[in-house]
Amino acid sequence: MDIYKNIIRPLLFKLDAEDAHNLSVFFLKHFKLKNELILNPKKVAGITFPNPIGLAAGFDKNAELINHVEGLGFGFMEVGTITPQPQEGNERPRLFRNQKEESITNRMGFNNDGVYAIRKRLEERKTDIIIGANIGMNKTTPIDYAHRDYQFCFFALQDLVDYFTINVSSPNTPNLRKLMEKDRLSIILEVIMNENKHRLKERPIFVKISPDLNDDELKDVLDVCKDFEVKGIVATNTTSVEKGGLSGFPLEEKSRETIKKIIDNSSLPVIGCGGIMTPEIAKDRFDMGCDLIQVYSGLIYNGINFVKNISEKL
């Protein structure tokens, strides 16, 4: 019997979705898990990932689980989205599950403790797991100054993480998706790349994109990323729905279509993310040409053995 699906998940799903998430974070922090890390090394952007399966940003917004995620079998993780100043995010309720279609809708709004609190936790980490920082802008920052927020987060965390993901694709922060426009994305990447070149050790930079881009918009993003020597694309974020972003099974096809267009039209490495709800879907992403994958909703619906099941399928 699958204990998670038959006992634990029904109990968790009786709670408000955000309360259930917070309870899960508490459990993972205080009860050490020892799922075997199945080694399947993959080198991407100069980093050797011991396992190509990562925990997507959004699950551990505040770097509270950095010493515990390896016990789930992950080869890497992203923390965040991180903003310069702490922010509470949007009003609750702001996280919703649809069990019938196995989806999650969130309108969290980059709630996080701010870059300085997260930096302190990263300074005190006791694990060697590969960590990426997913960074964004504060809700109150005017869009014309958004690049300063990304620069600020990059500067604060550059010496403590292995790579950065520039999040310009969440539907839950006003105007954020406008940052995927060619000129605005160019400004952000120019600032980040210049900052990166002046560090003792450069960090790979990835860009996380929306599944809702049309072909011309996607081409512009890929052209900018190529021009600025971005090391890869995280595809994709949630798809925009009324008052939020949708993930889980309903996102799978849309995310897959975006990934296929990226692989067909560029040589950039791809981290597949979005709608990876079964080991079979995970394998499909690698068969398509993804270099790495990230999961979130699949973990919520399948439990702590999900990563192990994907590893065995691969």
Protein backbone atom coordinates (compact mmCIF):
# COMPACT_ATOMS: atom_id res chain seq x y z
CA MET A 1 0.00 0.00 0.00
CA ASP A 2 1.19 3.51 -0.81
CA ILE A 3 1.19 5.07 2.69
CA TYR A 4 1.54 8.61 1.38
CA LYS A 5 -1.32 8.49 -1.13
CA ASN A 6 -3.65 6.45 1.07
CA ILE A 7 -3.00 7.92 4.53
CA ILE A 8 -0.72 10.99 4.67
CA ARG A 9 -2.00 12.88 1.63
CA PRO A 10 -5.71 12.62 2.55
CA LEU A 11 -4.88 14.03 5.99
CA LEU A 12 -2.77 16.86 4.60
CA PHE A 13 -5.39 17.68 1.97
CA LYS A 14 -7.99 18.24 4.70
CA LEU A 15 -5.97 21.32 5.68
CA ASP A 16 -5.77 24.65 3.88
CA ALA A 17 -3.17 24.17 1.14
CA GLU A 18 -0.70 26.69 2.57
CA ASP A 19 -1.07 25.30 6.09
CA ALA A 20 -0.42 21.82 4.70
CA HIS A 21 2.68 23.09 2.92
CA ASN A 22 3.99 24.74 6.08
CA LEU A 23 3.36 21.54 8.04
CA SER A 24 5.28 19.57 5.41
CA VAL A 25 8.22 21.98 5.68
CA PHE A 26 8.16 21.58 9.47
CA PHE A 27 8.16 17.79 9.12
CA LEU A 28 11.04 17.77 6.65
CA LYS A 29 13.09 20.08 8.91
CA HIS A 30 12.63 18.01 12.07
CA PHE A 31 12.45 14.42 10.86
CA LYS A 32 15.53 13.39 8.91
CA LEU A 33 14.76 11.34 5.82
CA LYS A 34 17.29 9.04 4.20
CA ASN A 35 16.06 8.18 0.72
CA GLU A 36 18.97 6.90 -1.31
CA LEU A 37 20.46 9.42 -3.73
CA ILE A 38 20.65 7.44 -6.95
CA LEU A 39 23.69 8.77 -8.76
CA ASN A 40 23.32 9.68 -12.41
CA PRO A 41 25.81 12.54 -12.86
CA LYS A 42 25.17 15.20 -15.48
CA LYS A 43 27.41 18.17 -16.23
CA VAL A 44 25.57 21.36 -17.16
CA ALA A 45 26.99 24.89 -17.29
CA GLY A 46 30.21 23.70 -15.73
CA ILE A 47 28.47 22.13 -12.73
CA THR A 48 28.43 18.38 -12.20
CA PHE A 49 24.99 17.52 -10.85
CA PRO A 50 25.12 14.15 -9.02
CA ASN A 51 21.54 13.53 -10.09
CA PRO A 52 19.58 15.49 -12.73
CA ILE A 53 16.39 15.79 -10.64
CA GLY A 54 15.94 19.02 -8.71
CA LEU A 55 13.46 20.62 -6.36
CA ALA A 56 11.86 23.58 -8.12
CA ALA A 57 11.76 27.06 -6.65
CA GLY A 58 8.69 27.86 -4.60
CA PHE A 59 8.79 24.84 -2.33
CA ASP A 60 11.61 26.15 -0.15
CA LYS A 61 11.19 29.90 -0.49
CA ASN A 62 13.37 30.77 2.50
CA ALA A 63 16.22 28.23 2.41
CA GLU A 64 14.83 26.39 5.42
CA LEU A 65 15.31 22.92 3.90
CA ILE A 66 18.80 23.22 2.44
CA ASN A 67 20.16 20.67 4.93
CA HIS A 68 17.31 18.22 4.39
CA VAL A 69 16.49 17.99 0.67
CA GLU A 70 19.21 15.44 -0.11
CA GLY A 71 17.25 13.02 2.07
CA LEU A 72 14.48 13.12 -0.53
CA GLY A 73 16.91 11.96 -3.22
CA PHE A 74 17.27 15.30 -5.04
CA GLY A 75 20.51 16.13 -6.82
CA PHE A 76 19.97 19.88 -6.56
CA MET A 77 17.45 22.50 -5.48
CA GLU A 78 16.42 26.10 -6.04
CA VAL A 79 15.55 28.38 -3.14
CA GLY A 80 13.26 31.37 -3.52
CA THR A 81 11.96 33.32 -5.25
CA ILE A 82 14.12 35.75 -3.24
CA THR A 83 13.60 39.51 -3.21
CA PRO A 84 15.82 42.22 -1.71
CA GLN A 85 13.34 43.19 1.03
CA PRO A 86 11.13 40.79 2.98
CA GLN A 87 7.54 40.75 1.80
CA GLU A 88 4.38 39.02 2.97
CA GLY A 89 3.04 38.32 -0.50
CA ASN A 90 -0.61 38.43 -1.44
CA GLU A 91 -3.52 37.97 0.95
CA ARG A 92 -4.58 34.49 1.99
CA PRO A 93 -6.05 32.22 0.87
CA ARG A 94 -3.55 32.14 -2.00
CA LEU A 95 -2.76 28.45 -2.57
CA PHE A 96 -5.36 26.01 -3.91
CA ARG A 97 -5.45 22.35 -4.92
CA ASN A 98 -7.72 20.63 -7.42
CA GLN A 99 -7.39 16.95 -6.55
CA LYS A 100 -9.47 15.74 -9.48
CA GLU A 101 -7.04 17.16 -12.06
CA GLU A 102 -4.01 17.01 -9.75
CA SER A 103 -3.20 20.68 -10.06
CA ILE A 104 -2.14 23.56 -7.84
CA THR A 105 -3.08 27.20 -8.31
CA ASN A 106 -0.98 29.74 -6.48
CA ARG A 107 -1.09 33.49 -6.15
CA MET A 108 1.55 33.69 -3.44
CA GLY A 109 3.27 36.87 -4.66
CA PHE A 110 6.92 36.19 -3.83
CA ASN A 111 6.37 35.92 -0.06
CA ASN A 112 9.84 35.48 1.44
CA ASP A 113 12.05 36.58 4.32
CA GLY A 114 14.27 38.80 2.17
CA VAL A 115 17.76 38.29 0.86
CA TYR A 116 19.64 39.00 4.10
CA ALA A 117 17.76 36.41 6.18
CA ILE A 118 18.21 33.85 3.40
CA ARG A 119 21.91 34.71 3.10
CA LYS A 120 22.35 33.95 6.82
CA ARG A 121 20.80 30.49 6.40
CA LEU A 122 23.00 29.76 3.41
CA GLU A 123 26.07 30.80 5.40
CA GLU A 124 25.15 28.22 8.04
CA ARG A 125 24.31 25.32 5.75
CA LYS A 126 25.74 21.89 6.51
CA THR A 127 25.26 20.20 3.15
CA ASP A 128 27.01 20.14 -0.19
CA ILE A 129 23.84 19.85 -2.26
CA ILE A 130 23.93 22.07 -5.35
CA ILE A 131 21.82 25.15 -4.69
CA GLY A 132 20.47 27.69 -7.13
CA ALA A 133 19.06 31.05 -6.07
CA ASN A 134 15.85 32.00 -7.83
CA ILE A 135 15.71 35.80 -7.67
CA GLY A 136 13.03 38.37 -8.41
CA MET A 137 11.87 41.90 -7.72
CA ASN A 138 9.88 43.33 -4.83
CA LYS A 139 6.24 44.12 -5.51
CA THR A 140 6.75 47.80 -4.70
CA THR A 141 9.71 48.27 -7.05
CA PRO A 142 8.86 50.35 -10.15
CA ILE A 143 9.39 48.25 -13.25
CA ASP A 144 11.99 50.66 -14.63
CA TYR A 145 14.16 49.91 -11.60
CA ALA A 146 13.59 46.15 -11.53
CA HIS A 147 17.16 45.44 -12.64
CA ARG A 148 18.40 46.93 -9.36
CA ASP A 149 16.52 44.28 -7.35
CA TYR A 150 18.06 41.46 -9.38
CA GLN A 151 21.50 43.03 -9.05
CA PHE A 152 21.04 43.44 -5.29
CA CYS A 153 20.10 39.77 -4.78
CA PHE A 154 22.90 38.60 -7.03
CA PHE A 155 25.46 40.68 -5.16
CA ALA A 156 24.24 39.42 -1.76
CA LEU A 157 24.25 35.72 -2.64
CA GLN A 158 26.92 35.30 -5.31
CA ASP A 159 29.44 33.65 -3.00
CA LEU A 160 26.94 31.24 -1.41
CA VAL A 161 25.08 29.50 -4.23
CA ASP A 162 26.09 27.48 -7.26
CA TYR A 163 23.94 29.20 -9.88
CA PHE A 164 21.22 31.82 -10.31
CA THR A 165 17.84 31.70 -11.99
CA ILE A 166 16.41 35.02 -13.12
CA ASN A 167 12.67 34.76 -12.53
CA VAL A 168 10.86 37.06 -14.94
CA SER A 169 7.87 34.80 -15.46
CA SER A 170 5.72 34.54 -12.34
CA PRO A 171 2.15 35.75 -12.99
CA ASN A 172 1.72 36.78 -9.34
CA THR A 173 3.77 39.98 -9.16
CA PRO A 174 2.41 43.03 -11.03
CA ASN A 175 4.31 43.79 -14.25
CA LEU A 176 6.86 41.03 -13.68
CA ARG A 177 6.15 39.26 -16.97
CA LYS A 178 6.87 42.51 -18.81
CA LEU A 179 10.49 41.82 -17.89
CA MET A 180 10.55 39.11 -20.56
CA GLU A 181 10.29 41.87 -23.17
CA LYS A 182 13.50 42.12 -25.16
CA ASP A 183 14.69 45.52 -23.95
CA ARG A 184 13.84 44.98 -20.29
CA LEU A 185 15.38 41.51 -20.14
CA SER A 186 18.51 42.88 -21.82
CA ILE A 187 18.91 45.51 -19.10
CA ILE A 188 18.63 42.91 -16.33
CA LEU A 189 21.07 40.51 -17.97
CA GLU A 190 23.57 43.23 -18.79
CA VAL A 191 23.67 44.29 -15.14
CA ILE A 192 23.91 40.72 -13.85
CA MET A 193 26.57 39.63 -16.35
CA ASN A 194 28.72 42.69 -15.65
CA GLU A 195 28.45 41.99 -11.94
CA ASN A 196 29.25 38.33 -12.52
CA LYS A 197 32.44 39.07 -14.44
CA HIS A 198 33.84 41.06 -11.53
CA ARG A 199 33.43 38.22 -9.02
CA LEU A 200 36.21 35.86 -7.99
CA LYS A 201 34.20 32.98 -9.43
CA GLU A 202 31.49 33.45 -12.03
CA ARG A 203 28.17 31.72 -11.44
CA PRO A 204 26.05 30.23 -14.23
CA ILE A 205 22.96 32.31 -14.99
CA PHE A 206 19.67 30.73 -16.08
CA VAL A 207 16.42 32.45 -17.06
CA LYS A 208 13.02 31.05 -16.06
CA ILE A 209 10.36 31.69 -18.67
CA SER A 210 6.60 31.52 -19.01
CA PRO A 211 4.72 28.84 -20.98
CA ASP A 212 2.42 31.60 -22.23
CA LEU A 213 4.87 33.27 -24.62
CA ASN A 214 3.92 33.33 -28.29
CA ASP A 215 6.49 32.30 -30.89
CA ASP A 216 7.81 35.82 -31.50
CA GLU A 217 8.12 36.54 -27.78
CA LEU A 218 9.93 33.26 -27.20
CA LYS A 219 12.32 34.00 -30.05
CA ASP A 220 13.12 37.39 -28.51
CA VAL A 221 13.86 35.79 -25.14
CA LEU A 222 16.11 33.16 -26.69
CA ASP A 223 17.95 35.78 -28.77
CA VAL A 224 18.63 37.92 -25.68
CA CYS A 225 19.76 34.90 -23.68
CA LYS A 226 22.14 33.91 -26.46
CA ASP A 227 23.51 37.45 -26.78
CA PHE A 228 24.30 37.61 -23.09
CA GLU A 229 25.66 34.05 -22.90
CA VAL A 230 23.04 32.80 -20.48
CA LYS A 231 23.84 29.21 -19.53
CA GLY A 232 20.36 27.80 -19.91
CA ILE A 233 16.58 28.15 -19.74
CA VAL A 234 14.26 26.92 -17.00
CA ALA A 235 11.08 25.99 -18.83
CA THR A 236 8.57 26.65 -17.56
CA ASN A 237 6.93 28.63 -14.80
CA THR A 238 3.21 28.29 -14.10
CA THR A 239 0.63 29.17 -16.73
CA SER A 240 -1.45 32.25 -16.04
CA VAL A 241 -5.05 31.76 -14.94
CA GLU A 242 -7.47 34.16 -13.27
CA LYS A 243 -5.71 35.51 -10.19
CA GLY A 244 -2.80 33.12 -10.16
CA GLY A 245 -0.55 30.57 -11.79
CA LEU A 246 -1.54 26.98 -12.54
CA SER A 247 0.79 23.99 -12.18
CA GLY A 248 0.41 20.22 -12.17
CA PHE A 249 -1.10 18.00 -14.85
CA PRO A 250 -2.93 20.83 -16.72
CA LEU A 251 0.43 22.55 -17.30
CA GLU A 252 2.18 19.48 -18.71
CA GLU A 253 1.26 19.83 -22.39
CA LYS A 254 1.82 23.58 -22.53
CA SER A 255 5.20 23.30 -20.83
CA ARG A 256 6.21 20.46 -23.13
CA GLU A 257 5.34 22.51 -26.22
CA THR A 258 7.50 25.38 -24.98
CA ILE A 259 10.41 23.06 -24.23
CA LYS A 260 10.19 21.54 -27.70
CA LYS A 261 10.32 24.99 -29.31
CA ILE A 262 13.38 25.92 -27.25
CA ILE A 263 15.20 22.71 -28.13
CA ASP A 264 14.27 23.02 -31.81
CA ASN A 265 15.37 26.65 -32.05
CA SER A 266 18.40 27.03 -29.80
CA SER A 267 21.38 25.19 -28.39
CA LEU A 268 20.81 26.42 -24.85
CA PRO A 269 20.63 23.78 -22.10
CA VAL A 270 17.10 23.31 -20.77
CA ILE A 271 15.92 22.57 -17.26
CA GLY A 272 12.49 21.04 -17.74
CA CYS A 273 9.95 22.20 -15.17
CA GLY A 274 6.17 22.23 -15.11
CA GLY A 275 3.68 19.38 -15.16
CA ILE A 276 6.19 16.64 -14.35
CA MET A 277 3.72 14.50 -12.42
CA THR A 278 4.87 10.95 -13.22
CA PRO A 279 8.17 9.13 -13.81
CA GLU A 280 7.04 8.62 -17.41
CA ILE A 281 6.68 12.37 -17.98
CA ALA A 282 10.08 12.91 -16.39
CA LYS A 283 11.65 10.38 -18.76
CA ASP A 284 9.90 12.05 -21.70
CA ARG A 285 11.55 15.36 -20.80
CA PHE A 286 14.99 13.79 -20.91
CA ASP A 287 14.15 11.94 -24.11
CA MET A 288 13.19 15.31 -25.65
CA GLY A 289 16.59 16.72 -24.79
CA CYS A 290 16.25 18.37 -21.37
CA ASP A 291 19.51 18.38 -19.45
CA LEU A 292 17.92 18.55 -16.00
CA ILE A 293 14.40 18.60 -14.57
CA GLN A 294 12.73 20.17 -11.55
CA VAL A 295 9.59 19.03 -9.73
CA TYR A 296 7.19 20.59 -7.25
CA SER A 297 3.52 19.67 -7.77
CA GLY A 298 4.54 16.10 -8.54
CA LEU A 299 6.11 15.89 -5.10
CA ILE A 300 2.93 17.21 -3.47
CA TYR A 301 0.73 14.64 -5.16
CA ASN A 302 3.11 11.65 -5.11
CA GLY A 303 5.04 12.03 -1.86
CA ILE A 304 8.61 11.55 -0.74
CA ASN A 305 9.30 8.52 -2.92
CA PHE A 306 8.63 10.47 -6.12
CA VAL A 307 12.27 11.32 -6.79
CA LYS A 308 13.34 7.74 -6.16
CA ASN A 309 10.67 6.49 -8.57
CA ILE A 310 11.85 8.92 -11.27
CA SER A 311 15.49 7.88 -10.74
CA GLU A 312 14.58 4.22 -11.09
CA LYS A 313 12.58 4.95 -14.26
CA LEU A 314 15.58 6.70 -15.76
